[in-house]
Amino acid sequence: NWGAMQRVDGAEYREEHGKDARVWAPGMDHMMYEEDGSPGWVAHGIYLDYILPRRLALAHGVSSGNLCYCGPGAGANELAHAEAAAGGGGCFIQLGWAFPEVRSRYQTFFDENRNLFEGYRPHAGVGLVFFYDLMHMEHLNHVRAVYALTRYLLDQHVLFDYLVEGDLTSDRLSEYEVLILPDVRFMRQEDTEAVTKFVVEGGTAVVTGTTGQDDWHGQKRD
């Protein structure tokens, strides 16, 4: 149970309980989140969705389930189911099991399209680095930047994937045109070498803050 990932403080709270997607994903098929905010329109230009936790789960090779405590209407409920289907698979769980007709419709859809996600591969040109481990290192500036950039990229309809710990390899980076490293202060030597190679070979890296300043043990680089 990864708690409320819509908010940075929710993610930080679960981090204190030892929740680390990189560590736990190899032993999981699904990652479940409990959210207390209804998906949909909140105010002018402001929307809530479950895309961040879904993409984080997908980046670690597992599907996600979102348990919602807020009781949205039938329209928001169906939107959340559609989001799960479009986000690499997963499910939406309405507390109290409301709107059974929506669940039934999506159950039928998945039953009739079981091969939909076979060979599923990302089709994004942008990779956004999201190192959840940096939360353990109390470097929340990185996490806050990821949240802000996620919202921006979604609002601009830019296709992107999260790149998590272990993803910064030459082979993986060759799939992207642009790499965003938002204040990724702690980086392994092999990470920095792969990013350098990516740029030398023509890729574009957008680097902010203290990215690469320290190695993975917290020692400053020359």
C-alpha atoms as a PDB file:
ATOM      1  CA  ASN A   1       0.000   0.000   0.000  1.00  0.00           C
ATOM      2  CA  TRP A   2       1.770   3.121  -1.263  1.00  0.00           C
ATOM      3  CA  GLY A   3      -0.725   5.568   0.210  1.00  0.00           C
ATOM      4  CA  ALA A   4      -1.571   8.929  -1.352  1.00  0.00           C
ATOM      5  CA  MET A   5       0.946   9.631  -4.086  1.00  0.00           C
ATOM      6  CA  GLN A   6      -0.974  12.603  -5.481  1.00  0.00           C
ATOM      7  CA  ARG A   7       0.803  14.737  -2.880  1.00  0.00           C
ATOM      8  CA  VAL A   8       4.497  14.977  -2.036  1.00  0.00           C
ATOM      9  CA  ASP A   9       3.749  14.832   1.702  1.00  0.00           C
ATOM     10  CA  GLY A  10       1.749  11.647   1.158  1.00  0.00           C
ATOM     11  CA  ALA A  11       4.646  10.040  -0.686  1.00  0.00           C
ATOM     12  CA  GLU A  12       7.071  11.181   2.012  1.00  0.00           C
ATOM     13  CA  TYR A  13       4.878   9.680   4.735  1.00  0.00           C
ATOM     14  CA  ARG A  14       5.023   6.253   3.073  1.00  0.00           C
ATOM     15  CA  GLU A  15       8.761   6.578   2.572  1.00  0.00           C
ATOM     16  CA  GLU A  16       9.119   6.707   6.355  1.00  0.00           C
ATOM     17  CA  HIS A  17       7.465   3.263   6.440  1.00  0.00           C
ATOM     18  CA  GLY A  18      10.102   1.770   4.162  1.00  0.00           C
ATOM     19  CA  LYS A  19       8.093   1.951   0.945  1.00  0.00           C
ATOM     20  CA  ASP A  20      10.490   1.877  -1.979  1.00  0.00           C
ATOM     21  CA  ALA A  21       9.210   0.824  -5.397  1.00  0.00           C
ATOM     22  CA  ARG A  22      12.677  -0.205  -6.597  1.00  0.00           C
ATOM     23  CA  VAL A  23      13.094  -2.617  -3.679  1.00  0.00           C
ATOM     24  CA  TRP A  24       9.584  -4.062  -3.631  1.00  0.00           C
ATOM     25  CA  ALA A  25       8.660  -4.213  -7.330  1.00  0.00           C
ATOM     26  CA  PRO A  26      10.528  -7.478  -8.083  1.00  0.00           C
ATOM     27  CA  GLY A  27       8.223  -9.246  -5.623  1.00  0.00           C
ATOM     28  CA  MET A  28       4.976  -7.614  -6.757  1.00  0.00           C
ATOM     29  CA  ASP A  29       2.506  -7.903  -9.589  1.00  0.00           C
ATOM     30  CA  HIS A  30       0.494  -4.848  -8.537  1.00  0.00           C
ATOM     31  CA  MET A  31       1.157  -1.681  -6.570  1.00  0.00           C
ATOM     32  CA  MET A  32      -1.844  -0.237  -4.697  1.00  0.00           C
ATOM     33  CA  TYR A  33      -2.362   3.408  -3.791  1.00  0.00           C
ATOM     34  CA  GLU A  34      -4.919   4.975  -1.472  1.00  0.00           C
ATOM     35  CA  GLU A  35      -5.969   8.411  -2.686  1.00  0.00           C
ATOM     36  CA  ASP A  36      -8.235  10.907  -0.939  1.00  0.00           C
ATOM     37  CA  GLY A  37      -8.667  13.311  -3.843  1.00  0.00           C
ATOM     38  CA  SER A  38     -11.225  12.773  -6.572  1.00  0.00           C
ATOM     39  CA  PRO A  39      -9.903  12.814 -10.148  1.00  0.00           C
ATOM     40  CA  GLY A  40     -11.166  15.582 -12.380  1.00  0.00           C
ATOM     41  CA  TRP A  41     -11.496  19.350 -12.526  1.00  0.00           C
ATOM     42  CA  VAL A  42     -10.702  21.159  -9.266  1.00  0.00           C
ATOM     43  CA  ALA A  43     -10.488  24.815 -10.279  1.00  0.00           C
ATOM     44  CA  HIS A  44      -9.696  26.854 -13.362  1.00  0.00           C
ATOM     45  CA  GLY A  45      -6.715  25.191 -15.016  1.00  0.00           C
ATOM     46  CA  ILE A  46      -6.226  22.714 -12.151  1.00  0.00           C
ATOM     47  CA  TYR A  47      -6.886  18.992 -12.474  1.00  0.00           C
ATOM     48  CA  LEU A  48      -6.252  15.978 -10.289  1.00  0.00           C
ATOM     49  CA  ASP A  49      -5.487  12.567 -11.719  1.00  0.00           C
ATOM     50  CA  TYR A  50      -3.776   9.309 -10.826  1.00  0.00           C
ATOM     51  CA  ILE A  51      -1.286   9.398 -13.684  1.00  0.00           C
ATOM     52  CA  LEU A  52       1.841   9.967 -11.553  1.00  0.00           C
ATOM     53  CA  PRO A  53       1.467   6.849  -9.370  1.00  0.00           C
ATOM     54  CA  ARG A  54       0.362   4.789 -12.355  1.00  0.00           C
ATOM     55  CA  ARG A  55       3.429   5.755 -14.364  1.00  0.00           C
ATOM     56  CA  LEU A  56       5.715   5.194 -11.388  1.00  0.00           C
ATOM     57  CA  ALA A  57       4.374   1.653 -11.038  1.00  0.00           C
ATOM     58  CA  LEU A  58       4.690   1.055 -14.785  1.00  0.00           C
ATOM     59  CA  ALA A  59       8.291   2.312 -14.739  1.00  0.00           C
ATOM     60  CA  HIS A  60       9.049  -0.424 -12.200  1.00  0.00           C
ATOM     61  CA  GLY A  61       7.349  -3.082 -14.294  1.00  0.00           C
ATOM     62  CA  VAL A  62       4.139  -3.553 -12.291  1.00  0.00           C
ATOM     63  CA  SER A  63       0.532  -2.445 -12.723  1.00  0.00           C
ATOM     64  CA  SER A  64      -1.294  -0.258 -10.232  1.00  0.00           C
ATOM     65  CA  GLY A  65      -4.564  -0.176  -8.387  1.00  0.00           C
ATOM     66  CA  ASN A  66      -5.986   3.081  -7.047  1.00  0.00           C
ATOM     67  CA  LEU A  67      -8.356   2.986  -4.089  1.00  0.00           C
ATOM     68  CA  CYS A  68     -10.338   6.233  -3.927  1.00  0.00           C
ATOM     69  CA  TYR A  69     -11.898   7.425  -0.666  1.00  0.00           C
ATOM     70  CA  CYS A  70     -13.581  10.497  -2.054  1.00  0.00           C
ATOM     71  CA  GLY A  71     -16.697   9.119  -3.747  1.00  0.00           C
ATOM     72  CA  PRO A  72     -16.595  10.710  -7.221  1.00  0.00           C
ATOM     73  CA  GLY A  73     -19.622  10.629  -9.493  1.00  0.00           C
ATOM     74  CA  ALA A  74     -20.166   8.138 -12.276  1.00  0.00           C
ATOM     75  CA  GLY A  75     -18.328  10.294 -14.839  1.00  0.00           C
ATOM     76  CA  ALA A  76     -15.177  10.659 -12.736  1.00  0.00           C
ATOM     77  CA  ASN A  77     -15.379   6.978 -11.873  1.00  0.00           C
ATOM     78  CA  GLU A  78     -15.401   6.025 -15.547  1.00  0.00           C
ATOM     79  CA  LEU A  79     -12.573   8.464 -16.255  1.00  0.00           C
ATOM     80  CA  ALA A  80     -10.454   6.778 -13.579  1.00  0.00           C
ATOM     81  CA  HIS A  81     -11.117   3.359 -15.139  1.00  0.00           C
ATOM     82  CA  ALA A  82     -10.187   4.673 -18.592  1.00  0.00           C
ATOM     83  CA  GLU A  83      -7.020   6.184 -17.137  1.00  0.00           C
ATOM     84  CA  ALA A  84      -6.081   2.783 -15.720  1.00  0.00           C
ATOM     85  CA  ALA A  85      -6.620   1.123 -19.093  1.00  0.00           C
ATOM     86  CA  ALA A  86      -4.600   3.766 -20.945  1.00  0.00           C
ATOM     87  CA  GLY A  87      -1.804   3.783 -18.360  1.00  0.00           C
ATOM     88  CA  GLY A  88      -0.448   0.333 -19.021  1.00  0.00           C
ATOM     89  CA  GLY A  89      -3.092  -1.672 -17.191  1.00  0.00           C
ATOM     90  CA  GLY A  90      -4.331  -1.696 -13.637  1.00  0.00           C
ATOM     91  CA  CYS A  91      -7.567  -0.956 -11.891  1.00  0.00           C
ATOM     92  CA  PHE A  92      -9.600   1.667 -10.070  1.00  0.00           C
ATOM     93  CA  ILE A  93     -11.255   0.726  -6.776  1.00  0.00           C
ATOM     94  CA  GLN A  94     -14.170   2.829  -5.597  1.00  0.00           C
ATOM     95  CA  LEU A  95     -14.621   2.720  -1.828  1.00  0.00           C
ATOM     96  CA  GLY A  96     -18.067   1.315  -1.129  1.00  0.00           C
ATOM     97  CA  TRP A  97     -18.169  -0.397  -4.542  1.00  0.00           C
ATOM     98  CA  ALA A  98     -20.325   2.298  -6.111  1.00  0.00           C
ATOM     99  CA  PHE A  99     -21.259   2.340  -9.796  1.00  0.00           C
ATOM    100  CA  PRO A 100     -21.182  -1.427 -10.468  1.00  0.00           C
ATOM    101  CA  GLU A 101     -22.266  -0.817 -14.067  1.00  0.00           C
ATOM    102  CA  VAL A 102     -18.992   1.017 -14.769  1.00  0.00           C
ATOM    103  CA  ARG A 103     -16.922  -1.771 -13.247  1.00  0.00           C
ATOM    104  CA  SER A 104     -18.886  -4.372 -15.206  1.00  0.00           C
ATOM    105  CA  ARG A 105     -18.323  -2.545 -18.484  1.00  0.00           C
ATOM    106  CA  TYR A 106     -14.563  -2.349 -17.954  1.00  0.00           C
ATOM    107  CA  GLN A 107     -14.371  -5.936 -16.728  1.00  0.00           C
ATOM    108  CA  THR A 108     -16.015  -6.996 -19.977  1.00  0.00           C
ATOM    109  CA  PHE A 109     -13.622  -4.818 -21.964  1.00  0.00           C
ATOM    110  CA  PHE A 110     -10.541  -6.452 -20.390  1.00  0.00           C
ATOM    111  CA  ASP A 111     -12.004  -9.941 -20.659  1.00  0.00           C
ATOM    112  CA  GLU A 112     -12.537  -9.447 -24.386  1.00  0.00           C
ATOM    113  CA  ASN A 113      -9.154  -7.777 -24.967  1.00  0.00           C
ATOM    114  CA  ARG A 114      -6.751  -9.834 -22.891  1.00  0.00           C
ATOM    115  CA  ASN A 115      -3.949  -9.443 -25.440  1.00  0.00           C
ATOM    116  CA  LEU A 116      -4.193  -5.643 -25.452  1.00  0.00           C
ATOM    117  CA  PHE A 117      -0.963  -5.125 -23.497  1.00  0.00           C
ATOM    118  CA  GLU A 118       1.115  -7.927 -25.016  1.00  0.00           C
ATOM    119  CA  GLY A 119       4.358  -6.450 -26.276  1.00  0.00           C
ATOM    120  CA  TYR A 120       3.419  -3.128 -24.671  1.00  0.00           C
ATOM    121  CA  ARG A 121       6.219  -0.601 -25.218  1.00  0.00           C
ATOM    122  CA  PRO A 122       6.400   3.118 -24.468  1.00  0.00           C
ATOM    123  CA  HIS A 123       6.102   5.566 -27.338  1.00  0.00           C
ATOM    124  CA  ALA A 124       7.455   8.700 -25.669  1.00  0.00           C
ATOM    125  CA  GLY A 125      10.261  10.927 -26.860  1.00  0.00           C
ATOM    126  CA  VAL A 126      10.957  12.414 -23.418  1.00  0.00           C
ATOM    127  CA  GLY A 127      12.398  10.651 -20.388  1.00  0.00           C
ATOM    128  CA  LEU A 128      11.854  12.284 -16.973  1.00  0.00           C
ATOM    129  CA  VAL A 129      14.206  10.986 -14.281  1.00  0.00           C
ATOM    130  CA  PHE A 130      12.377  10.097 -11.048  1.00  0.00           C
ATOM    131  CA  PHE A 131      14.681   8.616  -8.408  1.00  0.00           C
ATOM    132  CA  TYR A 132      12.401   7.758  -5.489  1.00  0.00           C
ATOM    133  CA  ASP A 133      15.535   6.813  -3.533  1.00  0.00           C
ATOM    134  CA  LEU A 134      16.341  10.513  -3.249  1.00  0.00           C
ATOM    135  CA  MET A 135      13.403  10.799  -0.887  1.00  0.00           C
ATOM    136  CA  HIS A 136      15.236   8.439   1.470  1.00  0.00           C
ATOM    137  CA  MET A 137      18.162  10.859   1.223  1.00  0.00           C
ATOM    138  CA  GLU A 138      15.847  13.730   2.255  1.00  0.00           C
ATOM    139  CA  HIS A 139      16.378  15.469  -1.071  1.00  0.00           C
ATOM    140  CA  LEU A 140      12.762  16.502  -1.589  1.00  0.00           C
ATOM    141  CA  ASN A 141      13.644  19.215  -4.101  1.00  0.00           C
ATOM    142  CA  HIS A 142      14.018  16.482  -6.702  1.00  0.00           C
ATOM    143  CA  VAL A 143      10.645  14.961  -5.861  1.00  0.00           C
ATOM    144  CA  ARG A 144       8.867  18.337  -5.885  1.00  0.00           C
ATOM    145  CA  ALA A 145      10.424  19.115  -9.268  1.00  0.00           C
ATOM    146  CA  VAL A 146       9.238  15.773 -10.662  1.00  0.00           C
ATOM    147  CA  TYR A 147       5.686  16.499  -9.509  1.00  0.00           C
ATOM    148  CA  ALA A 148       5.718  19.969 -11.065  1.00  0.00           C
ATOM    149  CA  LEU A 149       7.208  18.729 -14.343  1.00  0.00           C
ATOM    150  CA  THR A 150       4.737  15.852 -14.495  1.00  0.00           C
ATOM    151  CA  ARG A 151       1.843  18.292 -14.308  1.00  0.00           C
ATOM    152  CA  TYR A 152       3.453  20.595 -16.877  1.00  0.00           C
ATOM    153  CA  LEU A 153       4.174  17.831 -19.394  1.00  0.00           C
ATOM    154  CA  LEU A 154       0.677  16.399 -19.020  1.00  0.00           C
ATOM    155  CA  ASP A 155      -0.907  19.822 -19.496  1.00  0.00           C
ATOM    156  CA  GLN A 156       1.210  20.371 -22.621  1.00  0.00           C
ATOM    157  CA  HIS A 157       0.284  16.902 -23.967  1.00  0.00           C
ATOM    158  CA  VAL A 158       3.928  15.858 -24.141  1.00  0.00           C
ATOM    159  CA  LEU A 159       4.433  12.083 -24.111  1.00  0.00           C
ATOM    160  CA  PHE A 160       6.969  11.091 -21.457  1.00  0.00           C
ATOM    161  CA  ASP A 161       8.133   8.165 -19.368  1.00  0.00           C
ATOM    162  CA  TYR A 162       9.635   8.069 -15.907  1.00  0.00           C
ATOM    163  CA  LEU A 163      13.183   6.756 -15.816  1.00  0.00           C
ATOM    164  CA  VAL A 164      13.860   5.214 -12.422  1.00  0.00           C
ATOM    165  CA  GLU A 165      16.908   3.821 -10.645  1.00  0.00           C
ATOM    166  CA  GLY A 166      18.810   1.531 -13.006  1.00  0.00           C
ATOM    167  CA  ASP A 167      17.270   3.020 -16.168  1.00  0.00           C
ATOM    168  CA  LEU A 168      20.107   5.386 -17.034  1.00  0.00           C
ATOM    169  CA  THR A 169      21.898   3.082 -19.430  1.00  0.00           C
ATOM    170  CA  SER A 170      23.029   3.785 -22.976  1.00  0.00           C
ATOM    171  CA  ASP A 171      20.594   1.261 -24.429  1.00  0.00           C
ATOM    172  CA  ARG A 172      17.602   2.672 -22.566  1.00  0.00           C
ATOM    173  CA  LEU A 173      18.455   6.321 -23.192  1.00  0.00           C
ATOM    174  CA  SER A 174      18.793   5.652 -26.920  1.00  0.00           C
ATOM    175  CA  GLU A 175      14.977   5.325 -27.004  1.00  0.00           C
ATOM    176  CA  TYR A 176      14.529   9.037 -26.184  1.00  0.00           C
ATOM    177  CA  GLU A 177      15.253  12.366 -27.804  1.00  0.00           C
ATOM    178  CA  VAL A 178      15.134  14.453 -24.618  1.00  0.00           C
ATOM    179  CA  LEU A 179      16.192  13.595 -21.074  1.00  0.00           C
ATOM    180  CA  ILE A 180      15.088  15.747 -18.120  1.00  0.00           C
ATOM    181  CA  LEU A 181      17.113  15.537 -14.898  1.00  0.00           C
ATOM    182  CA  PRO A 182      15.361  17.718 -12.299  1.00  0.00           C
ATOM    183  CA  ASP A 183      17.743  18.364  -9.390  1.00  0.00           C
ATOM    184  CA  VAL A 184      18.973  14.752  -9.372  1.00  0.00           C
ATOM    185  CA  ARG A 185      21.657  15.574  -6.829  1.00  0.00           C
ATOM    186  CA  PHE A 186      22.844  12.027  -6.122  1.00  0.00           C
ATOM    187  CA  MET A 187      23.924   9.972  -9.143  1.00  0.00           C
ATOM    188  CA  ARG A 188      25.992   6.859  -9.631  1.00  0.00           C
ATOM    189  CA  GLN A 189      29.113   7.149 -11.767  1.00  0.00           C
ATOM    190  CA  GLU A 190      27.578   4.896 -14.423  1.00  0.00           C
ATOM    191  CA  ASP A 191      24.532   7.212 -14.528  1.00  0.00           C
ATOM    192  CA  THR A 192      26.611  10.293 -15.274  1.00  0.00           C
ATOM    193  CA  GLU A 193      28.613   8.423 -17.907  1.00  0.00           C
ATOM    194  CA  ALA A 194      25.441   7.238 -19.655  1.00  0.00           C
ATOM    195  CA  VAL A 195      23.990  10.762 -19.671  1.00  0.00           C
ATOM    196  CA  THR A 196      27.239  12.178 -21.071  1.00  0.00           C
ATOM    197  CA  LYS A 197      27.238   9.554 -23.831  1.00  0.00           C
ATOM    198  CA  PHE A 198      23.577  10.341 -24.587  1.00  0.00           C
ATOM    199  CA  VAL A 199      24.418  14.029 -25.140  1.00  0.00           C
ATOM    200  CA  VAL A 200      27.589  13.349 -27.124  1.00  0.00           C
ATOM    201  CA  GLU A 201      25.564  11.156 -29.480  1.00  0.00           C
ATOM    202  CA  GLY A 202      23.057  13.924 -30.145  1.00  0.00           C
ATOM    203  CA  GLY A 203      20.489  13.663 -27.363  1.00  0.00           C
ATOM    204  CA  THR A 204      19.249  16.710 -25.466  1.00  0.00           C
ATOM    205  CA  ALA A 205      19.596  16.772 -21.677  1.00  0.00           C
ATOM    206  CA  VAL A 206      17.720  19.365 -19.624  1.00  0.00           C
ATOM    207  CA  VAL A 207      19.560  19.619 -16.309  1.00  0.00           C
ATOM    208  CA  THR A 208      18.435  21.672 -13.322  1.00  0.00           C
ATOM    209  CA  GLY A 209      19.543  22.351  -9.764  1.00  0.00           C
ATOM    210  CA  THR A 210      22.282  20.259  -8.184  1.00  0.00           C
ATOM    211  CA  THR A 211      22.074  17.342 -10.624  1.00  0.00           C
ATOM    212  CA  GLY A 212      25.143  15.099 -10.366  1.00  0.00           C
ATOM    213  CA  GLN A 213      26.756  17.179  -7.625  1.00  0.00           C
ATOM    214  CA  ASP A 214      27.226  14.175  -5.319  1.00  0.00           C
ATOM    215  CA  ASP A 215      27.823  10.494  -5.885  1.00  0.00           C
ATOM    216  CA  TRP A 216      25.470   7.809  -4.558  1.00  0.00           C
ATOM    217  CA  HIS A 217      27.274   7.848  -1.183  1.00  0.00           C
ATOM    218  CA  GLY A 218      26.816  11.593  -0.713  1.00  0.00           C
ATOM    219  CA  GLN A 219      30.388  12.523  -1.568  1.00  0.00           C
ATOM    220  CA  LYS A 220      30.837  15.643  -3.691  1.00  0.00           C
ATOM    221  CA  ARG A 221      32.326  15.161  -7.138  1.00  0.00           C
ATOM    222  CA  ASP A 222      35.333  17.088  -8.351  1.00  0.00           C
END
